[in-house]
Protein backbone atom coordinates (compact mmCIF):
# COMPACT_ATOMS: atom_id res chain seq x y z
CA UNK A 1 2.00 76.97 42.83
CA UNK A 2 1.96 74.89 39.66
CA UNK A 3 2.44 71.13 39.93
CA UNK A 4 5.65 70.39 41.80
CA UNK A 5 7.87 67.58 40.51
CA UNK A 6 9.14 65.77 43.60
CA UNK A 7 12.66 64.33 43.56
CA UNK A 8 13.62 60.92 44.92
CA UNK A 9 15.30 62.21 48.09
CA UNK A 10 12.08 63.98 49.10
CA UNK A 11 9.81 60.99 48.37
CA UNK A 12 8.66 60.59 51.98
CA UNK A 13 7.54 64.19 52.35
CA UNK A 14 3.76 64.23 51.95
CA UNK A 15 2.36 66.96 54.18
CA UNK A 16 3.98 70.36 53.83
CA UNK A 17 3.36 74.01 53.12
CA UNK A 18 5.46 76.25 50.90
CA UNK A 19 6.87 79.29 52.69
CA UNK A 20 7.99 81.97 50.22
CA UNK A 21 8.70 84.68 52.79
CA UNK A 22 11.82 83.18 54.37
CA UNK A 23 13.97 82.61 51.30
CA UNK A 24 16.20 85.65 51.95
CA UNK A 25 16.67 85.18 55.70
CA UNK A 26 16.89 81.43 56.33
CA UNK A 27 20.29 79.70 56.31
CA UNK A 28 19.81 76.25 54.71
CA UNK A 29 21.58 73.11 55.86
CA UNK A 30 22.06 69.70 54.29
CA UNK A 31 18.74 67.89 53.97
CA UNK A 32 16.54 70.99 54.08
CA UNK A 33 13.69 70.73 51.57
CA UNK A 34 12.96 73.58 49.17
CA UNK A 35 11.00 74.30 46.01
CA UNK A 36 12.98 75.60 43.05
CA UNK A 37 12.04 76.92 39.64
CA UNK A 38 14.11 75.70 36.70
CA UNK A 39 15.71 78.64 34.87
CA UNK A 40 17.81 76.86 32.26
CA UNK A 41 18.85 73.29 31.47
CA UNK A 42 22.49 72.30 31.72
CA UNK A 43 24.16 68.90 31.87
CA UNK A 44 21.35 67.42 33.99
CA UNK A 45 18.05 67.54 32.12
CA UNK A 46 16.12 65.25 34.47
CA UNK A 47 15.68 64.29 38.09
CA UNK A 48 14.84 60.93 39.61
CA UNK A 49 11.31 61.40 40.87
CA UNK A 50 9.71 60.01 44.02
CA UNK A 51 9.07 56.72 42.21
CA UNK A 52 12.69 56.42 41.08
CA UNK A 53 11.65 57.25 37.53
CA UNK A 54 13.68 59.47 35.19
CA UNK A 55 11.62 62.67 35.14
CA UNK A 56 12.59 65.25 32.53
CA UNK A 57 12.56 68.89 33.61
CA UNK A 58 12.10 72.07 31.61
CA UNK A 59 12.50 75.82 32.18
CA UNK A 60 9.60 77.04 34.30
CA UNK A 61 9.11 73.71 36.10
CA UNK A 62 8.80 73.70 39.89
CA UNK A 63 10.83 70.91 41.50
CA UNK A 64 11.25 69.76 45.10
CA UNK A 65 14.89 69.21 46.02
CA UNK A 66 17.01 69.15 49.15
CA UNK A 67 20.09 71.20 49.84
CA UNK A 68 23.25 69.13 49.99
CA UNK A 69 26.96 68.89 49.28
CA UNK A 70 28.50 66.83 46.51
CA UNK A 71 31.94 65.40 45.77
CA UNK A 72 32.11 63.66 42.39
CA UNK A 73 35.36 63.84 40.42
CA UNK A 74 33.62 63.08 37.11
CA UNK A 75 30.64 65.32 37.87
CA UNK A 76 30.26 68.26 40.28
CA UNK A 77 31.84 69.66 43.39
CA UNK A 78 29.02 71.56 45.09
CA UNK A 79 28.01 72.91 48.49
CA UNK A 80 25.10 74.07 50.57
CA UNK A 81 25.28 77.85 50.09
CA UNK A 82 25.86 80.44 52.74
CA UNK A 83 23.01 82.92 52.69
CA UNK A 84 20.63 83.68 49.84
CA UNK A 85 21.73 83.46 46.21
CA UNK A 86 20.07 84.69 43.05
CA UNK A 87 21.09 81.45 41.34
CA UNK A 88 21.29 77.85 42.55
CA UNK A 89 22.31 74.66 40.76
CA UNK A 90 21.06 71.10 40.38
CA UNK A 91 24.11 69.14 41.53
CA UNK A 92 22.62 65.66 41.90
CA UNK A 93 20.00 63.89 39.77
CA UNK A 94 18.50 62.24 42.83
CA UNK A 95 17.39 65.67 44.02
CA UNK A 96 20.32 67.68 45.40
CA UNK A 97 20.59 71.46 45.06
CA UNK A 98 23.52 73.68 45.95
CA UNK A 99 26.14 75.94 44.46
CA UNK A 100 28.67 74.43 42.04
CA UNK A 101 32.28 75.11 42.97
CA UNK A 102 33.92 73.08 40.21
CA UNK A 103 33.03 70.49 37.60
CA UNK A 104 34.66 67.94 35.33
CA UNK A 105 35.88 69.50 32.07
CA UNK A 106 33.44 67.48 29.98
CA UNK A 107 30.58 69.35 31.69
CA UNK A 108 31.93 72.84 31.10
CA UNK A 109 30.17 73.39 27.78
CA UNK A 110 26.67 72.86 29.19
CA UNK A 111 27.40 73.71 32.81
CA UNK A 112 24.92 72.99 35.62
CA UNK A 113 21.15 73.30 35.40
CA UNK A 114 20.30 76.69 36.91
CA UNK A 115 17.54 77.28 39.45
CA UNK A 116 15.91 79.99 41.50
CA UNK A 117 14.62 79.43 45.03
CA UNK A 118 10.82 79.67 45.15
CA UNK A 119 10.24 78.70 48.78
CA UNK A 120 10.93 76.26 51.60
CA UNK A 121 8.80 73.23 52.49
CA UNK A 122 7.67 73.75 56.10
CA UNK A 123 5.47 72.02 58.68
CA UNK A 124 2.50 73.48 60.56
CA UNK A 125 4.88 75.32 62.90
CA UNK A 126 6.66 76.91 59.91
CA UNK A 127 9.81 74.87 60.62
CA UNK A 128 11.73 73.88 57.50
CA UNK A 129 11.40 70.15 56.83
CA UNK A 130 14.60 68.12 56.64
CA UNK A 131 14.92 64.69 55.05
CA UNK A 132 17.66 63.31 57.33
CA UNK A 133 16.11 60.57 59.49
CA UNK A 134 12.74 61.99 58.47
CA UNK A 135 10.80 58.86 59.46
CA UNK A 136 13.30 57.23 61.79
CA UNK A 137 15.95 57.83 64.41
CA UNK A 138 19.67 57.10 64.07
CA UNK A 139 21.03 54.00 65.77
CA UNK A 140 24.25 54.59 67.68
CA UNK A 141 27.16 52.53 66.36
CA UNK A 142 27.91 49.60 68.65
CA UNK A 143 31.50 48.43 68.33
CA UNK A 144 30.91 45.31 70.42
CA UNK A 145 27.69 44.12 68.82
CA UNK A 146 27.76 40.49 67.71
CA UNK A 147 26.69 40.18 64.06
CA UNK A 148 25.33 37.02 62.48
CA UNK A 149 26.67 37.79 59.01
CA UNK A 150 29.97 38.37 57.26
CA UNK A 151 30.74 41.60 55.45
CA UNK A 152 32.38 42.30 52.09
CA UNK A 153 33.62 45.84 51.50
CA UNK A 154 33.57 47.00 47.86
CA UNK A 155 36.13 49.76 47.31
CA UNK A 156 37.34 51.56 44.21
CA UNK A 157 40.59 53.27 43.28
CA UNK A 158 38.49 56.18 41.95
CA UNK A 159 35.00 57.18 40.88
CA UNK A 160 33.79 55.06 37.94
CA UNK A 161 36.32 52.30 38.60
CA UNK A 162 33.61 49.63 38.57
CA UNK A 163 32.95 49.17 42.27
CA UNK A 164 29.14 49.45 42.02
CA UNK A 165 28.99 46.81 39.30
CA UNK A 166 31.46 44.66 41.24
CA UNK A 167 29.32 44.96 44.37
CA UNK A 168 26.19 44.00 42.46
CA UNK A 169 27.87 40.97 40.85
CA UNK A 170 29.25 39.91 44.21
CA UNK A 171 25.62 39.86 45.36
CA UNK A 172 24.66 37.76 42.34
CA UNK A 173 27.56 35.36 42.77
CA UNK A 174 26.77 34.88 46.44
CA UNK A 175 23.09 34.33 45.70
CA UNK A 176 23.95 31.76 43.04
CA UNK A 177 26.13 30.02 45.63
CA UNK A 178 23.10 29.60 47.87
CA UNK A 179 23.62 32.44 50.35
CA UNK A 180 21.23 35.08 51.64
CA UNK A 181 22.79 38.42 50.74
CA UNK A 182 22.14 42.08 51.45
CA UNK A 183 23.66 45.26 49.99
CA UNK A 184 24.19 48.69 51.47
CA UNK A 185 25.78 51.81 50.05
CA UNK A 186 27.23 53.79 52.93
CA UNK A 187 28.57 56.94 51.25
CA UNK A 188 27.98 58.98 48.11
CA UNK A 189 25.27 61.19 46.58
CA UNK A 190 21.66 60.07 46.26
CA UNK A 191 21.06 58.04 43.12
CA UNK A 192 18.61 55.15 43.12
CA UNK A 193 20.32 53.19 40.32
CA UNK A 194 23.17 51.71 42.37
CA UNK A 195 21.18 49.83 44.97
CA UNK A 196 18.61 48.76 42.38
CA UNK A 197 21.37 47.15 40.32
CA UNK A 198 22.29 45.07 43.37
CA UNK A 199 18.63 44.19 43.84
CA UNK A 200 18.27 43.18 40.20
CA UNK A 201 21.37 41.01 40.61
CA UNK A 202 19.63 39.05 43.35
CA UNK A 203 20.29 40.80 46.67
CA UNK A 204 17.54 39.91 49.14
CA UNK A 205 17.60 43.34 50.78
CA UNK A 206 19.16 46.63 49.67
CA UNK A 207 19.46 50.04 51.28
CA UNK A 208 21.61 53.15 51.25
CA UNK A 209 22.18 56.45 53.04
CA UNK A 210 19.44 58.11 50.96
CA UNK A 211 16.83 55.73 52.40
CA UNK A 212 17.57 57.42 55.73
CA UNK A 213 17.18 60.84 54.14
CA UNK A 214 20.77 61.87 53.45
CA UNK A 215 21.07 63.69 50.10
CA UNK A 216 24.78 62.92 50.32
CA UNK A 217 27.38 62.00 52.90
CA UNK A 218 30.00 64.51 51.76
CA UNK A 219 31.28 66.53 54.75
CA UNK A 220 29.44 64.35 57.30
CA UNK A 221 31.31 63.81 60.56
CA UNK A 222 32.84 60.43 61.35
CA UNK A 223 30.33 59.88 64.18
CA UNK A 224 27.46 60.59 61.77
CA UNK A 225 28.87 58.08 59.28
CA UNK A 226 29.27 55.38 61.91
CA UNK A 227 25.73 55.84 63.22
CA UNK A 228 24.49 55.77 59.62
CA UNK A 229 26.42 52.54 59.12
CA UNK A 230 24.80 50.96 62.17
CA UNK A 231 21.36 52.13 61.04
CA UNK A 232 21.82 50.61 57.57
CA UNK A 233 23.05 47.31 58.98
CA UNK A 234 19.97 47.24 61.21
CA UNK A 235 17.75 47.78 58.15
CA UNK A 236 19.17 44.91 56.11
CA UNK A 237 19.73 42.36 58.85
CA UNK A 238 15.96 41.74 58.90
CA UNK A 239 16.56 39.67 55.74
CA UNK A 240 18.77 37.28 57.70
CA UNK A 241 21.79 37.67 55.40
CA UNK A 242 24.80 35.41 55.38
CA UNK A 243 26.76 38.23 53.72
CA UNK A 244 26.31 42.00 53.56
CA UNK A 245 28.07 43.71 50.66
CA UNK A 246 29.04 47.27 51.62
CA UNK A 247 29.87 49.84 48.96
CA UNK A 248 31.69 53.09 49.66
CA UNK A 249 31.65 55.77 46.97
CA UNK A 250 34.55 57.45 45.15
CA UNK A 251 38.24 56.66 45.54
CA UNK A 252 40.53 55.65 48.37
CA UNK A 253 41.75 59.22 48.94
CA UNK A 254 38.27 60.78 49.12
CA UNK A 255 37.46 62.40 52.47
CA UNK A 256 34.81 60.04 53.86
CA UNK A 257 36.44 56.91 52.41
CA UNK A 258 39.77 57.85 53.94
CA UNK A 259 38.13 58.61 57.30
CA UNK A 260 36.47 55.21 57.42
CA UNK A 261 39.55 53.29 56.28
CA UNK A 262 41.60 54.94 59.01
CA UNK A 263 38.99 54.25 61.69
CA UNK A 264 39.64 50.92 63.43
CA UNK A 265 36.07 50.54 64.81
CA UNK A 266 34.91 50.52 61.18
CA UNK A 267 37.63 48.36 59.64
CA UNK A 268 37.29 45.72 62.35
CA UNK A 269 33.69 45.10 61.18
CA UNK A 270 34.98 44.14 57.71
CA UNK A 271 35.57 40.45 56.96
CA UNK A 272 36.51 40.63 53.25
CA UNK A 273 37.57 43.39 50.84
CA UNK A 274 37.18 43.59 47.06
CA UNK A 275 39.05 46.32 45.17
CA UNK A 276 37.93 47.68 41.78
CA UNK A 277 40.38 49.59 39.59
CA UNK A 278 40.53 51.30 36.20
CA UNK A 279 44.01 50.15 35.18
CA UNK A 280 47.01 48.08 36.22
CA UNK A 281 48.91 50.86 37.97
CA UNK A 282 45.83 51.65 40.09
CA UNK A 283 45.80 47.99 41.13
CA UNK A 284 49.41 48.23 42.31
CA UNK A 285 48.81 51.46 44.25
CA UNK A 286 45.48 50.27 45.66
CA UNK A 287 46.84 46.97 46.92
CA UNK A 288 49.79 48.73 48.57
CA UNK A 289 47.40 51.21 50.17
CA UNK A 290 44.96 48.62 51.50
CA UNK A 291 47.26 45.75 52.51
CA UNK A 292 48.49 47.36 55.76
CA UNK A 293 44.87 48.02 56.76
CA UNK A 294 43.24 44.73 55.81
CA UNK A 295 46.12 42.28 55.26
CA UNK A 296 44.71 39.03 53.80
CA UNK A 297 41.13 40.24 54.05
CA UNK A 298 41.76 41.84 50.62
CA UNK A 299 40.77 38.67 48.78
CA UNK A 300 40.37 39.69 45.11
CA UNK A 301 40.53 42.54 42.58
CA UNK A 302 38.47 43.50 39.56
CA UNK A 303 36.70 46.47 38.06
CA UNK A 304 36.96 48.34 34.81
CA UNK A 305 40.42 47.02 33.91
CA UNK A 306 39.01 43.51 33.48
CA UNK A 307 37.35 44.68 30.23
CA UNK A 308 40.82 44.46 28.66
CA UNK A 309 42.63 41.10 28.34
CA UNK A 310 45.92 43.00 28.06
CA UNK A 311 45.35 44.82 31.35
CA UNK A 312 44.34 41.55 33.03
CA UNK A 313 47.60 40.01 31.84
CA UNK A 314 49.59 42.99 33.17
CA UNK A 315 47.92 42.73 36.57
CA UNK A 316 48.26 38.95 36.86
CA UNK A 317 51.96 39.24 36.09
CA UNK A 318 52.51 41.71 38.93
CA UNK A 319 49.89 40.80 41.55
CA UNK A 320 49.20 37.54 43.36
CA UNK A 321 45.60 38.35 44.22
CA UNK A 322 42.88 36.64 42.15
CA UNK A 323 41.50 38.77 39.32
CA UNK A 324 37.74 38.46 39.07
CA UNK A 325 35.96 39.67 35.97
CA UNK A 326 32.18 39.87 36.16
CA UNK A 327 31.95 36.47 34.49
CA UNK A 328 34.34 34.88 36.99
CA UNK A 329 32.29 36.18 39.92
CA UNK A 330 29.45 34.00 38.65
CA UNK A 331 31.52 30.85 38.07
CA UNK A 332 30.19 27.92 40.03
CA UNK A 333 31.94 27.60 43.39
CA UNK A 334 34.74 30.15 42.76
CA UNK A 335 33.48 33.01 44.89
CA UNK A 336 32.44 30.66 47.68
CA UNK A 337 35.87 29.04 47.63
CA UNK A 338 37.72 32.36 47.78
CA UNK A 339 35.64 33.67 50.67
CA UNK A 340 35.75 30.53 52.76
CA UNK A 341 39.54 30.28 52.46
CA UNK A 342 40.06 33.94 53.47
CA UNK A 343 40.72 34.36 57.18
CA UNK A 344 37.73 36.08 58.80
CA UNK A 345 38.69 39.10 60.88
CA UNK A 346 37.87 38.93 64.57
CA UNK A 347 37.51 42.26 66.39
CA UNK A 348 39.46 42.56 69.63
């Protein structure tokens, strides 16, 4: 084959063979690695390569991707296909292929980048390689494990509400306050930018589900998510953090987010909660949604609405929780004061 452009999710795959004979008969599953040929360019004209670099793609290119599912309200809804298809789609820039079921209206004009399946990446026994826990084993979630750090959960009312930026600035504010801090992204679709923003903001250690080989977490079981959570905490606790900032993708109603927020073994590991919202009404609904779950552990709100002084004024008139813009998160002593006066949750 011609030179194969390797996507970020497949970065750890070094030794493999390309099997072209099984493309019609093999049923792929999430994480399975395959080689695709680009047919036409749609809304995604690049992939993140194995170095995390933006790598442009063109018709005729061969690219290494993994099959996966995606839930992104402002992007694609896509799935691992059943059986062989004449056409596949690039549904995630970090290296996810599947079949698009729906997309945001702004993408309709260009549509998805179209692909054909050229072959599967296999080992010496002709078994299809899979990225999930490719170089490691999952660690079973331990509800009773004593943890030497506090956790801050960064949630958003919806996709693109500002929760990634909020999480990164929480890391920076904590670091400026003299703490060791780590960041993990537990759910979403592989994209290297989010955790690197937290790293650039000063986090001592960052990781996410993709580092353990998951192209996405959409449609994962609750047990899988909890073991993934434990595995990520194990990865970052080597940095000796005082705080671990945990980001969960998408909005409060999204499948995996909702599962975790309704799962007491998960919520009892959370010491503090920060909610990011797009507008004032989302703040009202989000606080009402989260208060019965977390009570006074919901310590502050922020997100995209803080770009508007008028929206800040609306929220402050209706909500007693502190409003933290990005600038306020970095104010000397403010974040430390808010966190140390919030009652830390003790699991029972």
